[in-house]
Amino acid sequence: MLIKDWMSKSVVTIDPKDSMNDAAKLFRTRVISMLPVINSGKITGVITDGDIKKAMPSDATTLDQYEIRSLMDSVEIGSIMSRPVITIDWDQTIDEAAGLMLGNGISGLPVVDHEEKLRGVITKSDIFRCFVSFTGVANKGQIFSFKLQDRPGTIKLLTDMVRGSGGRLCSIMTSYDDIEEGFRKVVFHTFDIDPEKFDSLVERFLQAGELNYVADLSRNFRKLY
């Protein structure tokens, strides 16, 4: 899941000497959440719709609309943009981008190559799109969530059961967060399990590990354990 395969490549940028009003117009007319600020071919900052709103006069202002527009025309982007810029290389991974965004409380990152040239932007929407694609949840398959002992062979035992029921695996996700030592959370997304075989597979899963949740999205069936 490389960033270069999921990033938005058509990047709208802005110059640091452009006005706050210029940026506001771009946010109104383009489907974007951030604007990289480019000076002499280099990224010098980023501006978001939130930055524009924070720089606007408060609702208690006595300025009329003409005066507010004039004020916005006089404020240069370079004076309100966020810097230093947090960027990410285009050959890094989606999960690295997600961790960087989460850790810094931001919703997007400019993507650069090894010469620091802007190649695209990666946003939370791009990460959601990647997540949905790799889990296969949009294809209305089945979901099985487990708490399993962390020992070799446990997952293979369960995947063999899926194949024995005529199912196909789309994704396997595991996590060690918020669970006691020696265990892990595991979620399977599968396809093509016949409804007549679904219940018997669930029964075998219940005997093999701690099953927390099952769903058959093709039938809108869900059950918590």
C-alpha atoms as a PDB file:
ATOM      1  CA  MET A   1       0.000   0.000   0.000  1.00  0.00           C
ATOM      2  CA  LEU A   2       2.405   2.652  -1.229  1.00  0.00           C
ATOM      3  CA  ILE A   3       1.373   6.285  -0.952  1.00  0.00           C
ATOM      4  CA  LYS A   4       2.158   6.952  -4.613  1.00  0.00           C
ATOM      5  CA  ASP A   5      -0.597   4.517  -5.607  1.00  0.00           C
ATOM      6  CA  TRP A   6      -3.297   6.181  -3.462  1.00  0.00           C
ATOM      7  CA  MET A   7      -2.383   9.864  -3.284  1.00  0.00           C
ATOM      8  CA  SER A   8      -4.230  12.595  -5.200  1.00  0.00           C
ATOM      9  CA  LYS A   9      -1.879  13.538  -8.022  1.00  0.00           C
ATOM     10  CA  SER A  10      -3.664  16.627  -9.382  1.00  0.00           C
ATOM     11  CA  VAL A  11      -2.541  19.084  -6.718  1.00  0.00           C
ATOM     12  CA  VAL A  12      -3.918  22.606  -6.393  1.00  0.00           C
ATOM     13  CA  THR A  13      -1.236  24.895  -4.929  1.00  0.00           C
ATOM     14  CA  ILE A  14      -0.977  28.531  -3.943  1.00  0.00           C
ATOM     15  CA  ASP A  15       1.776  31.157  -3.755  1.00  0.00           C
ATOM     16  CA  PRO A  16       2.728  32.681  -0.372  1.00  0.00           C
ATOM     17  CA  LYS A  17       2.062  36.159  -1.810  1.00  0.00           C
ATOM     18  CA  ASP A  18      -1.473  35.248  -2.864  1.00  0.00           C
ATOM     19  CA  SER A  19      -4.215  36.598  -0.642  1.00  0.00           C
ATOM     20  CA  MET A  20      -6.413  34.954   1.918  1.00  0.00           C
ATOM     21  CA  ASN A  21      -9.319  35.668  -0.416  1.00  0.00           C
ATOM     22  CA  ASP A  22      -7.567  33.747  -3.221  1.00  0.00           C
ATOM     23  CA  ALA A  23      -7.315  30.715  -0.957  1.00  0.00           C
ATOM     24  CA  ALA A  24     -10.934  31.047   0.205  1.00  0.00           C
ATOM     25  CA  LYS A  25     -12.111  31.036  -3.419  1.00  0.00           C
ATOM     26  CA  LEU A  26     -10.154  27.840  -4.116  1.00  0.00           C
ATOM     27  CA  PHE A  27     -11.678  26.099  -1.117  1.00  0.00           C
ATOM     28  CA  ARG A  28     -15.152  27.139  -2.280  1.00  0.00           C
ATOM     29  CA  THR A  29     -14.720  26.027  -5.888  1.00  0.00           C
ATOM     30  CA  ARG A  30     -12.459  22.950  -5.656  1.00  0.00           C
ATOM     31  CA  VAL A  31     -12.937  19.694  -3.757  1.00  0.00           C
ATOM     32  CA  ILE A  32      -9.839  20.080  -1.570  1.00  0.00           C
ATOM     33  CA  SER A  33      -9.018  20.136   2.138  1.00  0.00           C
ATOM     34  CA  MET A  34      -5.539  21.683   1.997  1.00  0.00           C
ATOM     35  CA  LEU A  35      -3.353  23.850  -0.248  1.00  0.00           C
ATOM     36  CA  PRO A  36       0.411  23.353  -0.372  1.00  0.00           C
ATOM     37  CA  VAL A  37       2.130  26.754  -0.483  1.00  0.00           C
ATOM     38  CA  ILE A  38       4.827  26.779  -3.149  1.00  0.00           C
ATOM     39  CA  ASN A  39       7.640  29.315  -3.400  1.00  0.00           C
ATOM     40  CA  SER A  40      10.293  28.918  -6.136  1.00  0.00           C
ATOM     41  CA  GLY A  41       9.265  25.295  -6.645  1.00  0.00           C
ATOM     42  CA  LYS A  42       9.607  24.363  -2.951  1.00  0.00           C
ATOM     43  CA  ILE A  43       6.936  23.720  -0.343  1.00  0.00           C
ATOM     44  CA  THR A  44       7.126  26.458   2.270  1.00  0.00           C
ATOM     45  CA  GLY A  45       3.862  25.792   4.113  1.00  0.00           C
ATOM     46  CA  VAL A  46       0.305  24.550   3.894  1.00  0.00           C
ATOM     47  CA  ILE A  47      -2.998  26.343   4.259  1.00  0.00           C
ATOM     48  CA  THR A  48      -6.289  24.695   5.214  1.00  0.00           C
ATOM     49  CA  ASP A  49      -9.874  25.866   5.305  1.00  0.00           C
ATOM     50  CA  GLY A  50      -9.499  25.901   9.095  1.00  0.00           C
ATOM     51  CA  ASP A  51      -6.563  28.317   8.833  1.00  0.00           C
ATOM     52  CA  ILE A  52      -8.732  30.652   6.750  1.00  0.00           C
ATOM     53  CA  LYS A  53     -11.566  30.530   9.283  1.00  0.00           C
ATOM     54  CA  LYS A  54      -9.210  31.202  12.195  1.00  0.00           C
ATOM     55  CA  ALA A  55      -7.804  34.260  10.407  1.00  0.00           C
ATOM     56  CA  MET A  56     -11.260  35.680   9.670  1.00  0.00           C
ATOM     57  CA  PRO A  57     -12.718  38.475  11.836  1.00  0.00           C
ATOM     58  CA  SER A  58     -14.950  37.178  14.634  1.00  0.00           C
ATOM     59  CA  ASP A  59     -18.732  37.204  14.360  1.00  0.00           C
ATOM     60  CA  ALA A  60     -18.731  40.215  16.700  1.00  0.00           C
ATOM     61  CA  THR A  61     -16.883  42.380  14.167  1.00  0.00           C
ATOM     62  CA  THR A  62     -18.376  45.718  13.136  1.00  0.00           C
ATOM     63  CA  LEU A  63     -16.862  45.397   9.652  1.00  0.00           C
ATOM     64  CA  ASP A  64     -19.287  45.137   6.750  1.00  0.00           C
ATOM     65  CA  GLN A  65     -18.923  42.579   3.941  1.00  0.00           C
ATOM     66  CA  TYR A  66     -16.985  44.979   1.714  1.00  0.00           C
ATOM     67  CA  GLU A  67     -14.500  45.733   4.497  1.00  0.00           C
ATOM     68  CA  ILE A  68     -14.065  42.021   5.295  1.00  0.00           C
ATOM     69  CA  ARG A  69     -13.407  41.270   1.613  1.00  0.00           C
ATOM     70  CA  SER A  70     -10.892  44.113   1.464  1.00  0.00           C
ATOM     71  CA  LEU A  71      -9.183  42.777   4.597  1.00  0.00           C
ATOM     72  CA  MET A  72      -8.962  39.281   3.114  1.00  0.00           C
ATOM     73  CA  ASP A  73      -7.426  40.715  -0.047  1.00  0.00           C
ATOM     74  CA  SER A  74      -4.739  42.439   2.017  1.00  0.00           C
ATOM     75  CA  VAL A  75      -3.648  39.381   4.058  1.00  0.00           C
ATOM     76  CA  GLU A  76      -0.987  37.279   2.336  1.00  0.00           C
ATOM     77  CA  ILE A  77      -1.045  33.487   2.622  1.00  0.00           C
ATOM     78  CA  GLY A  78       2.558  33.491   3.832  1.00  0.00           C
ATOM     79  CA  SER A  79       1.473  35.234   7.041  1.00  0.00           C
ATOM     80  CA  ILE A  80      -1.196  32.689   8.042  1.00  0.00           C
ATOM     81  CA  MET A  81       0.029  29.397   6.560  1.00  0.00           C
ATOM     82  CA  SER A  82       1.070  26.491   8.786  1.00  0.00           C
ATOM     83  CA  ARG A  83       4.805  25.812   8.968  1.00  0.00           C
ATOM     84  CA  PRO A  84       7.156  24.024   9.203  1.00  0.00           C
ATOM     85  CA  VAL A  85       5.556  21.603   6.755  1.00  0.00           C
ATOM     86  CA  ILE A  86       5.145  17.937   7.600  1.00  0.00           C
ATOM     87  CA  THR A  87       5.628  15.985   4.368  1.00  0.00           C
ATOM     88  CA  ILE A  88       5.916  12.316   3.484  1.00  0.00           C
ATOM     89  CA  ASP A  89       7.820  10.507   0.729  1.00  0.00           C
ATOM     90  CA  TRP A  90       5.813   8.932  -2.052  1.00  0.00           C
ATOM     91  CA  ASP A  91       7.493   5.531  -1.530  1.00  0.00           C
ATOM     92  CA  GLN A  92       6.340   5.305   2.097  1.00  0.00           C
ATOM     93  CA  THR A  93       3.227   3.363   3.033  1.00  0.00           C
ATOM     94  CA  ILE A  94      -0.385   4.275   3.740  1.00  0.00           C
ATOM     95  CA  ASP A  95      -0.113   3.069   7.327  1.00  0.00           C
ATOM     96  CA  GLU A  96       2.917   5.332   7.868  1.00  0.00           C
ATOM     97  CA  ALA A  97       0.897   8.278   6.542  1.00  0.00           C
ATOM     98  CA  ALA A  98      -2.035   7.404   8.813  1.00  0.00           C
ATOM     99  CA  GLY A  99       0.250   7.230  11.853  1.00  0.00           C
ATOM    100  CA  LEU A 100       1.842  10.576  10.986  1.00  0.00           C
ATOM    101  CA  MET A 101      -1.532  12.267  10.571  1.00  0.00           C
ATOM    102  CA  LEU A 102      -2.904  10.799  13.785  1.00  0.00           C
ATOM    103  CA  GLY A 103       0.205  11.684  15.766  1.00  0.00           C
ATOM    104  CA  ASN A 104       0.180  15.291  14.569  1.00  0.00           C
ATOM    105  CA  GLY A 105      -3.566  15.883  14.520  1.00  0.00           C
ATOM    106  CA  ILE A 106      -3.671  16.747  10.809  1.00  0.00           C
ATOM    107  CA  SER A 107      -5.949  15.629   7.984  1.00  0.00           C
ATOM    108  CA  GLY A 108      -3.505  15.548   5.067  1.00  0.00           C
ATOM    109  CA  LEU A 109       0.122  15.534   3.973  1.00  0.00           C
ATOM    110  CA  PRO A 110       1.976  16.875   0.935  1.00  0.00           C
ATOM    111  CA  VAL A 111       3.743  13.988  -0.809  1.00  0.00           C
ATOM    112  CA  VAL A 112       7.269  14.570  -2.125  1.00  0.00           C
ATOM    113  CA  ASP A 113       9.905  12.605  -4.005  1.00  0.00           C
ATOM    114  CA  HIS A 114      13.531  12.221  -2.915  1.00  0.00           C
ATOM    115  CA  GLU A 115      14.367  15.611  -4.446  1.00  0.00           C
ATOM    116  CA  GLU A 116      11.656  17.225  -2.280  1.00  0.00           C
ATOM    117  CA  LYS A 117       9.539  17.908  -5.368  1.00  0.00           C
ATOM    118  CA  LEU A 118       5.791  17.945  -4.732  1.00  0.00           C
ATOM    119  CA  ARG A 119       4.162  14.860  -6.279  1.00  0.00           C
ATOM    120  CA  GLY A 120       0.725  14.827  -4.691  1.00  0.00           C
ATOM    121  CA  VAL A 121      -1.234  15.003  -1.459  1.00  0.00           C
ATOM    122  CA  ILE A 122      -2.535  12.220   0.740  1.00  0.00           C
ATOM    123  CA  THR A 123      -5.610  12.883   2.877  1.00  0.00           C
ATOM    124  CA  LYS A 124      -7.807  11.007   5.326  1.00  0.00           C
ATOM    125  CA  SER A 125     -10.251  10.383   2.486  1.00  0.00           C
ATOM    126  CA  ASP A 126      -7.532   8.646   0.459  1.00  0.00           C
ATOM    127  CA  ILE A 127      -6.654   6.472   3.464  1.00  0.00           C
ATOM    128  CA  PHE A 128     -10.316   5.555   3.992  1.00  0.00           C
ATOM    129  CA  ARG A 129     -10.565   4.645   0.292  1.00  0.00           C
ATOM    130  CA  CYS A 130      -7.506   2.393   0.613  1.00  0.00           C
ATOM    131  CA  PHE A 131      -8.851   0.773   3.793  1.00  0.00           C
ATOM    132  CA  VAL A 132     -12.216   0.007   2.187  1.00  0.00           C
ATOM    133  CA  SER A 133     -10.496  -1.438  -0.878  1.00  0.00           C
ATOM    134  CA  PHE A 134      -8.190  -3.761   1.053  1.00  0.00           C
ATOM    135  CA  THR A 135     -10.757  -4.978   3.575  1.00  0.00           C
ATOM    136  CA  GLY A 136     -13.261  -5.735   0.829  1.00  0.00           C
ATOM    137  CA  VAL A 137     -16.124  -4.525   2.999  1.00  0.00           C
ATOM    138  CA  ALA A 138     -17.725  -2.745   0.026  1.00  0.00           C
ATOM    139  CA  ASN A 139     -18.214  -6.113  -1.697  1.00  0.00           C
ATOM    140  CA  LYS A 140     -20.785  -7.351   0.840  1.00  0.00           C
ATOM    141  CA  GLY A 141     -18.872 -10.372   2.111  1.00  0.00           C
ATOM    142  CA  GLN A 142     -18.546 -11.829   5.595  1.00  0.00           C
ATOM    143  CA  ILE A 143     -16.732 -10.528   8.684  1.00  0.00           C
ATOM    144  CA  PHE A 144     -15.416 -12.584  11.629  1.00  0.00           C
ATOM    145  CA  SER A 145     -13.771 -10.979  14.657  1.00  0.00           C
ATOM    146  CA  PHE A 146     -11.772 -13.034  17.190  1.00  0.00           C
ATOM    147  CA  LYS A 147      -9.735 -12.806  20.341  1.00  0.00           C
ATOM    148  CA  LEU A 148      -7.018 -15.414  19.792  1.00  0.00           C
ATOM    149  CA  GLN A 149      -4.074 -16.757  21.705  1.00  0.00           C
ATOM    150  CA  ASP A 150      -0.886 -15.465  20.103  1.00  0.00           C
ATOM    151  CA  ARG A 151       0.685 -18.731  19.075  1.00  0.00           C
ATOM    152  CA  PRO A 152       1.853 -20.180  15.731  1.00  0.00           C
ATOM    153  CA  GLY A 153      -0.708 -21.922  13.567  1.00  0.00           C
ATOM    154  CA  THR A 154      -3.844 -20.394  15.115  1.00  0.00           C
ATOM    155  CA  ILE A 155      -4.739 -18.241  12.119  1.00  0.00           C
ATOM    156  CA  LYS A 156      -3.979 -21.047   9.638  1.00  0.00           C
ATOM    157  CA  LEU A 157      -6.436 -23.289  11.450  1.00  0.00           C
ATOM    158  CA  LEU A 158      -9.187 -20.700  10.971  1.00  0.00           C
ATOM    159  CA  THR A 159      -8.327 -19.898   7.345  1.00  0.00           C
ATOM    160  CA  ASP A 160      -8.423 -23.611   6.545  1.00  0.00           C
ATOM    161  CA  MET A 161     -11.954 -23.659   7.955  1.00  0.00           C
ATOM    162  CA  VAL A 162     -12.918 -20.764   5.682  1.00  0.00           C
ATOM    163  CA  ARG A 163     -11.576 -22.558   2.617  1.00  0.00           C
ATOM    164  CA  GLY A 164     -13.280 -25.776   3.708  1.00  0.00           C
ATOM    165  CA  SER A 165     -16.590 -23.890   3.663  1.00  0.00           C
ATOM    166  CA  GLY A 166     -15.996 -22.721   0.094  1.00  0.00           C
ATOM    167  CA  GLY A 167     -15.046 -19.214   1.137  1.00  0.00           C
ATOM    168  CA  ARG A 168     -12.297 -16.918  -0.145  1.00  0.00           C
ATOM    169  CA  LEU A 169     -10.186 -14.685   2.069  1.00  0.00           C
ATOM    170  CA  CYS A 170     -10.075 -10.986   1.222  1.00  0.00           C
ATOM    171  CA  SER A 171      -8.122  -9.634   4.200  1.00  0.00           C
ATOM    172  CA  ILE A 172      -6.795 -10.521   7.647  1.00  0.00           C
ATOM    173  CA  MET A 173      -6.172  -7.742  10.166  1.00  0.00           C
ATOM    174  CA  THR A 174      -4.536  -8.179  13.553  1.00  0.00           C
ATOM    175  CA  SER A 175      -3.972  -5.871  16.520  1.00  0.00           C
ATOM    176  CA  TYR A 176      -2.221  -6.108  19.884  1.00  0.00           C
ATOM    177  CA  ASP A 177      -3.733  -2.869  21.235  1.00  0.00           C
ATOM    178  CA  ASP A 178      -6.026  -2.938  24.290  1.00  0.00           C
ATOM    179  CA  ILE A 179      -5.741  -6.678  24.878  1.00  0.00           C
ATOM    180  CA  GLU A 180      -3.961  -8.721  27.510  1.00  0.00           C
ATOM    181  CA  GLU A 181      -0.510 -10.147  26.892  1.00  0.00           C
ATOM    182  CA  GLY A 182      -0.466 -13.440  25.018  1.00  0.00           C
ATOM    183  CA  PHE A 183      -3.550 -12.612  22.934  1.00  0.00           C
ATOM    184  CA  ARG A 184      -4.357 -10.604  19.827  1.00  0.00           C
ATOM    185  CA  LYS A 185      -7.411  -9.334  17.987  1.00  0.00           C
ATOM    186  CA  VAL A 186      -7.962 -10.813  14.533  1.00  0.00           C
ATOM    187  CA  VAL A 187     -10.549  -9.839  11.922  1.00  0.00           C
ATOM    188  CA  PHE A 188     -11.222 -11.809   8.731  1.00  0.00           C
ATOM    189  CA  HIS A 189     -13.048 -10.438   5.692  1.00  0.00           C
ATOM    190  CA  THR A 190     -14.211 -13.243   3.389  1.00  0.00           C
ATOM    191  CA  PHE A 191     -16.270 -13.849   0.236  1.00  0.00           C
ATOM    192  CA  ASP A 192     -18.483 -16.572  -1.196  1.00  0.00           C
ATOM    193  CA  ILE A 193     -19.460 -18.423   1.965  1.00  0.00           C
ATOM    194  CA  ASP A 194     -22.825 -19.995   1.202  1.00  0.00           C
ATOM    195  CA  PRO A 195     -25.513 -18.985   3.739  1.00  0.00           C
ATOM    196  CA  GLU A 196     -26.229 -22.685   4.333  1.00  0.00           C
ATOM    197  CA  LYS A 197     -22.599 -23.224   5.420  1.00  0.00           C
ATOM    198  CA  PHE A 198     -22.291 -19.979   7.382  1.00  0.00           C
ATOM    199  CA  ASP A 199     -23.858 -21.219  10.642  1.00  0.00           C
ATOM    200  CA  SER A 200     -21.803 -24.423  10.763  1.00  0.00           C
ATOM    201  CA  LEU A 201     -18.618 -22.402  10.141  1.00  0.00           C
ATOM    202  CA  VAL A 202     -19.528 -20.097  13.015  1.00  0.00           C
ATOM    203  CA  GLU A 203     -19.988 -23.124  15.288  1.00  0.00           C
ATOM    204  CA  ARG A 204     -16.522 -24.412  14.393  1.00  0.00           C
ATOM    205  CA  PHE A 205     -15.064 -20.940  14.997  1.00  0.00           C
ATOM    206  CA  LEU A 206     -16.661 -20.849  18.447  1.00  0.00           C
ATOM    207  CA  GLN A 207     -14.841 -24.075  19.338  1.00  0.00           C
ATOM    208  CA  ALA A 208     -11.488 -22.866  17.986  1.00  0.00           C
ATOM    209  CA  GLY A 209     -11.213 -19.440  19.613  1.00  0.00           C
ATOM    210  CA  GLU A 210     -13.048 -16.601  21.306  1.00  0.00           C
ATOM    211  CA  LEU A 211     -15.392 -15.313  18.614  1.00  0.00           C
ATOM    212  CA  ASN A 212     -16.539 -11.750  19.322  1.00  0.00           C
ATOM    213  CA  TYR A 213     -18.550 -10.765  16.267  1.00  0.00           C
ATOM    214  CA  VAL A 214     -19.822 -12.174  12.967  1.00  0.00           C
ATOM    215  CA  ALA A 215     -21.563 -10.537  10.027  1.00  0.00           C
ATOM    216  CA  ASP A 216     -22.808 -11.617   6.646  1.00  0.00           C
ATOM    217  CA  LEU A 217     -23.203  -8.327   4.802  1.00  0.00           C
ATOM    218  CA  SER A 218     -24.853 -10.013   1.827  1.00  0.00           C
ATOM    219  CA  ARG A 219     -27.818 -10.843   4.104  1.00  0.00           C
ATOM    220  CA  ASN A 220     -27.459  -7.902   6.495  1.00  0.00           C
ATOM    221  CA  PHE A 221     -26.934 -10.401   9.323  1.00  0.00           C
ATOM    222  CA  ARG A 222     -24.871  -9.424  12.400  1.00  0.00           C
ATOM    223  CA  LYS A 223     -24.316 -11.023  15.795  1.00  0.00           C
ATOM    224  CA  LEU A 224     -22.245 -10.146  18.876  1.00  0.00           C
ATOM    225  CA  TYR A 225     -20.907 -12.836  21.242  1.00  0.00           C
END
